[in-house]
């Protein structure tokens, strides 16, 4: 009888171990919504597109949009993307590049004059020749300047060809990026991704922690974004995504100038440091960080004592990756409060989390099995 009780106890412990493994290893991907439920998406130009459920196929024009679809686990739905989504060096795009090499997707065109006809042809072929895109059910997602989307005639062309089109080209605030990710997740999965909550949580954590530490208003770290174009350094203004990330990370974005129309404008960097001091944190884009001369010129202008932090080019875009940008910026400005968000943080943190979950599960099972063996030997 005692032996039967011991066996039952061991079986109970073993089953408990299986439950622990499932709880620790299964990581939720989506929240809210239900597969097959209808919904309507309205873009920034007032276009409304209704869906019976998630699309089967999609066209993504703009590497931020492509990256977001990939991160949402829907890379297999992309049948056409722009050339820059295919040539971006980030490993994030490897799965999409594989689709292109396998002939399952194309990515040779752009919204610009030199590549617009190729883009049009690839989208038409995906619908008519390859039969991989349904005009009535699927959708084309566009990002870019009106100079190329509107004046270049791309939007009108696609609509005249009976394609359903959604356009985002004025996403300048971090909150707007969150809203965009929410819309795209509905389009490709029929649900609101947990990434949306994660993006919100980052901003809320920064605000809460700084408030707890009494860092408000004048105590916020002064910072600005800098890029290089037209042979001059330009700083971030209102409307720059990088500037919006600085603001989301509760930095004092000192180069915002509402009298300037552009999202960036030319500014004397030496003068900024002389005015605001060497405690300013500068966030430089990849154009500068990958060019020794530009970086040297930047250092000459601001000095070696000023903190300069490089930004991943994908952070400064319409994508989930902007969340990593906010973390890195917050970590650089308030390293004592957010040491876990230092500038060496990997964008592949989700892999680290999985390792932690699996390790915890294995550890729990070892303990349970040891207890079971002990009980059996005792009896």
Protein backbone atom coordinates (compact mmCIF):
# COMPACT_ATOMS: atom_id res chain seq x y z
CA UNK A 1 0.00 0.00 0.00
CA UNK A 2 2.85 2.33 0.93
CA UNK A 3 4.47 1.52 -2.41
CA UNK A 4 1.27 2.50 -4.29
CA UNK A 5 1.08 5.80 -2.41
CA UNK A 6 4.73 6.49 -3.21
CA UNK A 7 4.13 5.79 -6.91
CA UNK A 8 1.12 8.10 -6.94
CA UNK A 9 3.13 10.80 -5.19
CA UNK A 10 5.94 10.49 -7.72
CA UNK A 11 3.49 10.64 -10.63
CA UNK A 12 1.89 13.74 -9.13
CA UNK A 13 5.29 15.39 -8.79
CA UNK A 14 6.19 14.48 -12.38
CA UNK A 15 2.93 15.94 -13.75
CA UNK A 16 3.51 19.07 -11.68
CA UNK A 17 6.91 19.35 -13.32
CA UNK A 18 5.34 19.21 -16.77
CA UNK A 19 2.94 22.00 -15.83
CA UNK A 20 5.84 24.14 -14.60
CA UNK A 21 7.71 23.62 -17.89
CA UNK A 22 4.64 24.67 -19.90
CA UNK A 23 4.07 27.76 -17.75
CA UNK A 24 7.68 28.88 -17.99
CA UNK A 25 8.47 28.08 -21.61
CA UNK A 26 5.29 29.10 -23.42
CA UNK A 27 5.62 32.81 -24.12
CA UNK A 28 2.46 34.67 -25.21
CA UNK A 29 2.68 36.46 -28.56
CA UNK A 30 -0.67 38.14 -28.98
CA UNK A 31 -3.33 39.72 -26.80
CA UNK A 32 -6.84 41.02 -27.46
CA UNK A 33 -8.98 40.34 -30.48
CA UNK A 34 -10.05 37.06 -32.01
CA UNK A 35 -9.13 35.32 -35.24
CA UNK A 36 -11.72 35.88 -37.93
CA UNK A 37 -13.25 38.98 -36.31
CA UNK A 38 -13.85 41.88 -38.70
CA UNK A 39 -12.18 45.25 -38.19
CA UNK A 40 -11.43 48.50 -40.02
CA UNK A 41 -8.09 50.32 -40.23
CA UNK A 42 -7.89 54.05 -40.99
CA UNK A 43 -4.57 55.42 -42.22
CA UNK A 44 -3.11 58.93 -41.85
CA UNK A 45 -4.73 60.12 -45.06
CA UNK A 46 -8.23 59.09 -43.96
CA UNK A 47 -8.35 55.96 -46.13
CA UNK A 48 -10.43 53.21 -44.54
CA UNK A 49 -9.92 49.54 -45.32
CA UNK A 50 -12.12 46.85 -43.79
CA UNK A 51 -10.93 43.30 -43.12
CA UNK A 52 -12.85 40.10 -42.40
CA UNK A 53 -9.77 38.85 -40.55
CA UNK A 54 -5.98 38.86 -40.95
CA UNK A 55 -4.69 39.09 -44.51
CA UNK A 56 -3.08 36.13 -46.25
CA UNK A 57 -0.56 38.27 -48.11
CA UNK A 58 0.82 41.78 -47.84
CA UNK A 59 3.01 44.33 -49.62
CA UNK A 60 5.30 46.35 -47.33
CA UNK A 61 7.01 49.47 -48.67
CA UNK A 62 9.44 50.91 -46.13
CA UNK A 63 11.90 48.87 -44.10
CA UNK A 64 10.30 49.91 -40.80
CA UNK A 65 6.97 48.45 -41.94
CA UNK A 66 8.69 45.32 -43.26
CA UNK A 67 10.62 44.91 -40.00
CA UNK A 68 7.43 45.21 -37.98
CA UNK A 69 5.64 42.54 -40.02
CA UNK A 70 8.66 40.25 -39.58
CA UNK A 71 8.73 40.85 -35.81
CA UNK A 72 5.04 40.06 -35.62
CA UNK A 73 5.82 36.62 -37.01
CA UNK A 74 4.24 37.21 -40.42
CA UNK A 75 7.25 37.29 -42.75
CA UNK A 76 5.67 34.46 -44.80
CA UNK A 77 2.86 36.84 -45.75
CA UNK A 78 5.14 39.38 -47.46
CA UNK A 79 5.07 38.95 -51.24
CA UNK A 80 6.57 42.32 -52.22
CA UNK A 81 8.71 44.81 -50.30
CA UNK A 82 10.97 47.68 -51.28
CA UNK A 83 14.64 47.25 -52.17
CA UNK A 84 15.84 48.76 -48.89
CA UNK A 85 14.07 46.05 -46.89
CA UNK A 86 16.12 43.49 -48.81
CA UNK A 87 19.47 45.26 -48.60
CA UNK A 88 19.38 46.37 -44.97
CA UNK A 89 22.31 44.81 -43.11
CA UNK A 90 20.33 43.90 -39.98
CA UNK A 91 19.94 40.17 -39.33
CA UNK A 92 16.28 40.93 -38.64
CA UNK A 93 15.71 40.87 -42.40
CA UNK A 94 17.42 37.51 -42.99
CA UNK A 95 14.12 35.61 -43.07
CA UNK A 96 12.75 37.99 -45.68
CA UNK A 97 15.92 37.80 -47.77
CA UNK A 98 15.53 34.03 -47.73
CA UNK A 99 12.03 34.40 -49.19
CA UNK A 100 13.41 36.60 -51.96
CA UNK A 101 16.20 34.13 -52.78
CA UNK A 102 13.65 31.30 -52.85
CA UNK A 103 11.47 33.22 -55.31
CA UNK A 104 8.60 33.60 -52.82
CA UNK A 105 8.85 37.40 -52.69
CA UNK A 106 10.36 40.26 -54.67
CA UNK A 107 12.09 43.44 -53.52
CA UNK A 108 13.65 45.30 -56.42
CA UNK A 109 11.69 48.55 -56.48
CA UNK A 110 11.43 51.77 -54.48
CA UNK A 111 9.07 54.73 -54.19
CA UNK A 112 11.68 56.97 -55.80
CA UNK A 113 11.76 57.93 -59.48
CA UNK A 114 14.48 55.41 -60.32
CA UNK A 115 12.68 52.44 -58.76
CA UNK A 116 8.98 53.28 -58.88
CA UNK A 117 8.20 51.44 -62.13
CA UNK A 118 9.91 48.30 -60.83
CA UNK A 119 7.84 48.48 -57.65
CA UNK A 120 4.62 48.89 -59.62
CA UNK A 121 5.48 45.95 -61.88
CA UNK A 122 6.30 43.67 -58.95
CA UNK A 123 3.03 44.45 -57.19
CA UNK A 124 1.03 43.88 -60.40
CA UNK A 125 2.85 40.60 -61.04
CA UNK A 126 2.21 39.39 -57.49
CA UNK A 127 -1.52 39.82 -58.10
CA UNK A 128 -1.88 38.85 -61.76
CA UNK A 129 1.01 36.63 -62.78
CA UNK A 130 2.04 34.91 -59.56
CA UNK A 131 -1.48 34.88 -58.05
CA UNK A 132 0.06 35.47 -54.61
CA UNK A 133 -1.91 38.62 -53.80
CA UNK A 134 -5.69 39.12 -53.70
CA UNK A 135 -6.71 42.69 -54.56
CA UNK A 136 -10.03 42.27 -52.72
CA UNK A 137 -8.68 40.84 -49.48
CA UNK A 138 -5.00 41.73 -49.11
CA UNK A 139 -3.45 45.18 -48.66
CA UNK A 140 -0.50 47.35 -49.69
CA UNK A 141 1.18 49.30 -46.85
CA UNK A 142 3.10 52.40 -47.91
CA UNK A 143 5.43 54.79 -46.07
CA UNK A 144 7.40 57.69 -47.47
CA UNK A 145 7.22 61.30 -48.49
CA UNK A 146 4.24 62.75 -50.37
CA UNK A 147 6.76 63.95 -52.93
CA UNK A 148 7.05 60.35 -54.11
CA UNK A 149 3.80 58.74 -52.97
CA UNK A 150 1.40 61.48 -54.07
CA UNK A 151 3.22 63.66 -56.61
CA UNK A 152 4.95 60.61 -58.01
CA UNK A 153 1.54 59.05 -58.58
CA UNK A 154 2.14 55.75 -56.77
CA UNK A 155 -0.95 55.91 -54.57
CA UNK A 156 -3.24 56.86 -57.45
CA UNK A 157 -1.75 54.15 -59.66
CA UNK A 158 -2.37 51.41 -57.09
CA UNK A 159 -5.90 52.58 -56.35
CA UNK A 160 -6.70 52.77 -60.06
CA UNK A 161 -5.49 49.18 -60.33
CA UNK A 162 -8.00 48.23 -57.59
CA UNK A 163 -5.44 47.59 -54.87
CA UNK A 164 -6.36 48.34 -51.29
CA UNK A 165 -3.83 50.82 -49.93
CA UNK A 166 -2.99 52.18 -46.48
CA UNK A 167 -0.46 55.00 -46.09
CA UNK A 168 1.59 56.24 -43.14
CA UNK A 169 4.03 59.07 -43.73
CA UNK A 170 3.63 61.40 -40.75
CA UNK A 171 4.63 59.10 -37.90
CA UNK A 172 6.77 61.48 -35.87
CA UNK A 173 5.91 60.61 -32.26
CA UNK A 174 6.71 57.45 -30.30
CA UNK A 175 3.01 57.10 -29.42
CA UNK A 176 2.20 57.23 -33.14
CA UNK A 177 4.62 54.35 -33.75
CA UNK A 178 2.83 52.33 -31.05
CA UNK A 179 -0.51 53.00 -32.77
CA UNK A 180 0.99 51.94 -36.11
CA UNK A 181 2.29 48.67 -34.65
CA UNK A 182 -1.18 48.03 -33.24
CA UNK A 183 -2.76 48.54 -36.66
CA UNK A 184 -0.23 46.33 -38.45
CA UNK A 185 -0.60 43.56 -35.88
CA UNK A 186 -4.36 43.57 -36.47
CA UNK A 187 -3.80 43.41 -40.23
CA UNK A 188 -1.38 40.48 -40.20
CA UNK A 189 -2.57 38.50 -37.15
CA UNK A 190 -6.11 39.68 -36.43
CA UNK A 191 -5.02 40.51 -32.87
CA UNK A 192 -3.22 43.26 -30.98
CA UNK A 193 0.33 42.06 -30.36
CA UNK A 194 1.80 42.03 -26.86
CA UNK A 195 4.55 44.20 -28.36
CA UNK A 196 2.10 47.11 -28.16
CA UNK A 197 1.85 46.75 -24.39
CA UNK A 198 5.62 46.31 -24.15
CA UNK A 199 6.20 49.56 -26.07
CA UNK A 200 3.81 51.41 -23.78
CA UNK A 201 5.38 49.84 -20.69
CA UNK A 202 8.84 51.15 -21.58
CA UNK A 203 7.62 54.73 -21.71
CA UNK A 204 5.60 54.29 -18.51
CA UNK A 205 8.58 52.76 -16.69
CA UNK A 206 10.83 55.68 -17.63
CA UNK A 207 8.28 58.23 -16.44
CA UNK A 208 7.62 56.36 -13.19
CA UNK A 209 11.27 55.76 -12.29
CA UNK A 210 12.33 59.34 -12.99
CA UNK A 211 9.44 60.65 -10.93
CA UNK A 212 10.44 58.37 -8.04
CA UNK A 213 13.96 59.79 -8.24
CA UNK A 214 12.79 63.40 -8.37
CA UNK A 215 13.99 63.97 -11.92
CA UNK A 216 11.46 66.37 -13.41
CA UNK A 217 11.51 69.47 -15.58
CA UNK A 218 14.86 71.28 -15.26
CA UNK A 219 16.52 68.18 -13.82
CA UNK A 220 16.00 66.18 -17.00
CA UNK A 221 19.12 65.41 -19.00
CA UNK A 222 19.74 67.70 -21.96
CA UNK A 223 20.13 65.82 -25.21
CA UNK A 224 19.76 66.05 -28.98
CA UNK A 225 19.90 63.98 -32.13
CA UNK A 226 22.43 64.70 -34.87
CA UNK A 227 22.75 63.46 -38.44
CA UNK A 228 24.89 64.43 -41.43
CA UNK A 229 23.55 65.38 -44.85
CA UNK A 230 24.29 67.95 -47.53
CA UNK A 231 27.85 68.23 -46.17
CA UNK A 232 26.66 69.66 -42.85
CA UNK A 233 25.63 68.44 -39.41
CA UNK A 234 21.90 68.70 -38.76
CA UNK A 235 20.11 68.36 -35.44
CA UNK A 236 16.73 66.87 -34.62
CA UNK A 237 13.66 69.06 -34.48
CA UNK A 238 10.05 68.33 -33.58
CA UNK A 239 8.85 65.71 -36.02
CA UNK A 240 12.10 63.75 -35.98
CA UNK A 241 11.54 60.18 -34.77
CA UNK A 242 14.86 60.24 -32.92
CA UNK A 243 13.80 63.42 -31.12
CA UNK A 244 10.50 61.79 -30.19
CA UNK A 245 12.44 58.87 -28.70
CA UNK A 246 14.48 61.32 -26.61
CA UNK A 247 11.23 62.83 -25.36
CA UNK A 248 9.74 59.37 -24.68
CA UNK A 249 12.86 58.65 -22.62
CA UNK A 250 12.16 61.86 -20.66
CA UNK A 251 15.12 63.79 -22.02
CA UNK A 252 15.18 67.56 -22.53
CA UNK A 253 15.44 67.75 -26.33
CA UNK A 254 17.27 71.07 -26.56
CA UNK A 255 17.33 71.41 -30.36
CA UNK A 256 13.56 71.62 -30.84
CA UNK A 257 12.89 74.90 -32.63
CA UNK A 258 9.32 75.48 -33.78
CA UNK A 259 10.44 78.35 -35.98
CA UNK A 260 12.19 75.76 -38.19
CA UNK A 261 10.02 73.80 -40.63
CA UNK A 262 12.17 70.73 -41.15
CA UNK A 263 12.44 67.65 -38.94
CA UNK A 264 16.19 68.37 -38.92
CA UNK A 265 18.09 71.60 -39.53
CA UNK A 266 21.68 72.82 -39.70
CA UNK A 267 23.11 73.95 -36.38
CA UNK A 268 26.53 74.88 -34.98
CA UNK A 269 27.34 71.99 -32.63
CA UNK A 270 30.11 73.83 -30.80
CA UNK A 271 27.69 76.61 -29.96
CA UNK A 272 25.19 74.10 -28.51
CA UNK A 273 27.81 72.69 -26.11
CA UNK A 274 29.04 76.17 -25.15
CA UNK A 275 25.45 77.17 -24.34
CA UNK A 276 24.28 74.03 -22.55
CA UNK A 277 27.47 72.52 -21.13
CA UNK A 278 29.30 69.23 -21.51
CA UNK A 279 26.65 67.20 -19.69
CA UNK A 280 24.60 67.16 -22.88
CA UNK A 281 24.15 63.69 -24.40
CA UNK A 282 24.35 63.47 -28.18
CA UNK A 283 22.60 60.70 -30.13
CA UNK A 284 24.23 60.26 -33.53
CA UNK A 285 22.74 58.31 -36.41
CA UNK A 286 24.48 55.58 -38.35
CA UNK A 287 25.52 58.00 -41.10
CA UNK A 288 27.96 59.52 -38.62
CA UNK A 289 28.89 56.48 -36.54
CA UNK A 290 30.00 54.38 -39.52
CA UNK A 291 32.09 57.18 -41.06
CA UNK A 292 35.41 57.91 -39.34
CA UNK A 293 35.70 61.39 -40.82
CA UNK A 294 32.20 62.46 -39.81
CA UNK A 295 32.72 61.08 -36.31
CA UNK A 296 36.08 62.83 -36.03
CA UNK A 297 34.53 66.11 -37.18
CA UNK A 298 31.75 65.66 -34.63
CA UNK A 299 34.28 65.12 -31.85
CA UNK A 300 36.24 68.15 -32.95
CA UNK A 301 33.08 70.25 -32.75
CA UNK A 302 31.81 69.05 -29.34
CA UNK A 303 34.98 67.83 -27.62
CA UNK A 304 35.94 64.45 -26.20
CA UNK A 305 34.20 64.93 -22.85
CA UNK A 306 30.66 64.93 -24.28
CA UNK A 307 28.86 61.58 -24.36
CA UNK A 308 28.07 60.52 -27.94
CA UNK A 309 25.84 57.47 -28.39
CA UNK A 310 25.21 55.76 -31.73
CA UNK A 311 21.68 54.86 -32.79
CA UNK A 312 20.74 51.73 -34.69
CA UNK A 313 19.22 52.96 -37.99
CA UNK A 314 16.16 50.75 -37.54
CA UNK A 315 15.32 52.47 -34.23
CA UNK A 316 14.85 55.73 -36.10
CA UNK A 317 12.04 54.26 -38.15
CA UNK A 318 8.41 53.12 -38.02
CA UNK A 319 8.94 49.85 -36.19
CA UNK A 320 8.80 47.88 -32.95
CA UNK A 321 12.57 48.40 -32.77
CA UNK A 322 11.96 52.02 -31.72
CA UNK A 323 11.27 50.57 -28.27
CA UNK A 324 14.92 49.47 -28.08
CA UNK A 325 15.89 53.00 -29.08
CA UNK A 326 13.94 54.48 -26.17
CA UNK A 327 15.58 52.02 -23.78
CA UNK A 328 19.09 52.80 -25.02
CA UNK A 329 18.48 56.54 -24.91
CA UNK A 330 17.08 56.34 -21.37
CA UNK A 331 20.02 54.17 -20.31
CA UNK A 332 22.51 56.65 -21.74
CA UNK A 333 20.88 59.68 -20.10
CA UNK A 334 20.08 58.04 -16.75
CA UNK A 335 22.52 55.15 -16.44
CA UNK A 336 22.27 55.05 -12.64
CA UNK A 337 18.50 54.56 -12.84
CA UNK A 338 18.39 52.23 -15.88
CA UNK A 339 21.68 50.27 -15.77
CA UNK A 340 19.97 47.39 -17.56
CA UNK A 341 19.44 49.62 -20.58
CA UNK A 342 23.06 50.44 -21.31
CA UNK A 343 24.23 51.09 -24.86
CA UNK A 344 25.68 47.60 -25.28
CA UNK A 345 22.24 45.99 -24.88
CA UNK A 346 21.48 43.49 -27.63
CA UNK A 347 18.33 43.83 -29.70
CA UNK A 348 17.98 40.03 -29.45
CA UNK A 349 17.03 40.14 -25.75
CA UNK A 350 14.05 37.86 -26.39
CA UNK A 351 16.49 34.98 -27.01
CA UNK A 352 18.07 35.63 -23.62
CA UNK A 353 14.64 35.53 -22.00
CA UNK A 354 13.88 32.17 -23.56
CA UNK A 355 17.14 30.78 -22.19
CA UNK A 356 16.19 32.03 -18.72
CA UNK A 357 12.72 30.45 -18.95
CA UNK A 358 14.08 27.10 -20.12
CA UNK A 359 16.82 27.08 -17.47
CA UNK A 360 14.25 27.76 -14.76
CA UNK A 361 12.03 24.98 -16.06
CA UNK A 362 14.90 22.47 -16.17
CA UNK A 363 15.94 23.47 -12.66
CA UNK A 364 12.43 22.96 -11.34
CA UNK A 365 12.20 19.53 -12.93
CA UNK A 366 15.56 18.45 -11.46
CA UNK A 367 14.34 19.36 -7.98
CA UNK A 368 11.07 17.49 -8.49
CA UNK A 369 12.81 14.38 -9.83
CA UNK A 370 15.24 14.41 -6.90
CA UNK A 371 12.28 14.54 -4.52
CA UNK A 372 10.63 11.63 -6.33
CA UNK A 373 13.79 9.49 -6.18
CA UNK A 374 14.16 10.28 -2.48
CA UNK A 375 10.59 9.17 -1.78
CA UNK A 376 11.01 5.92 -3.72
CA UNK A 377 14.25 5.02 -1.95
CA UNK A 378 12.80 5.84 1.45
CA UNK A 379 9.99 3.39 0.82
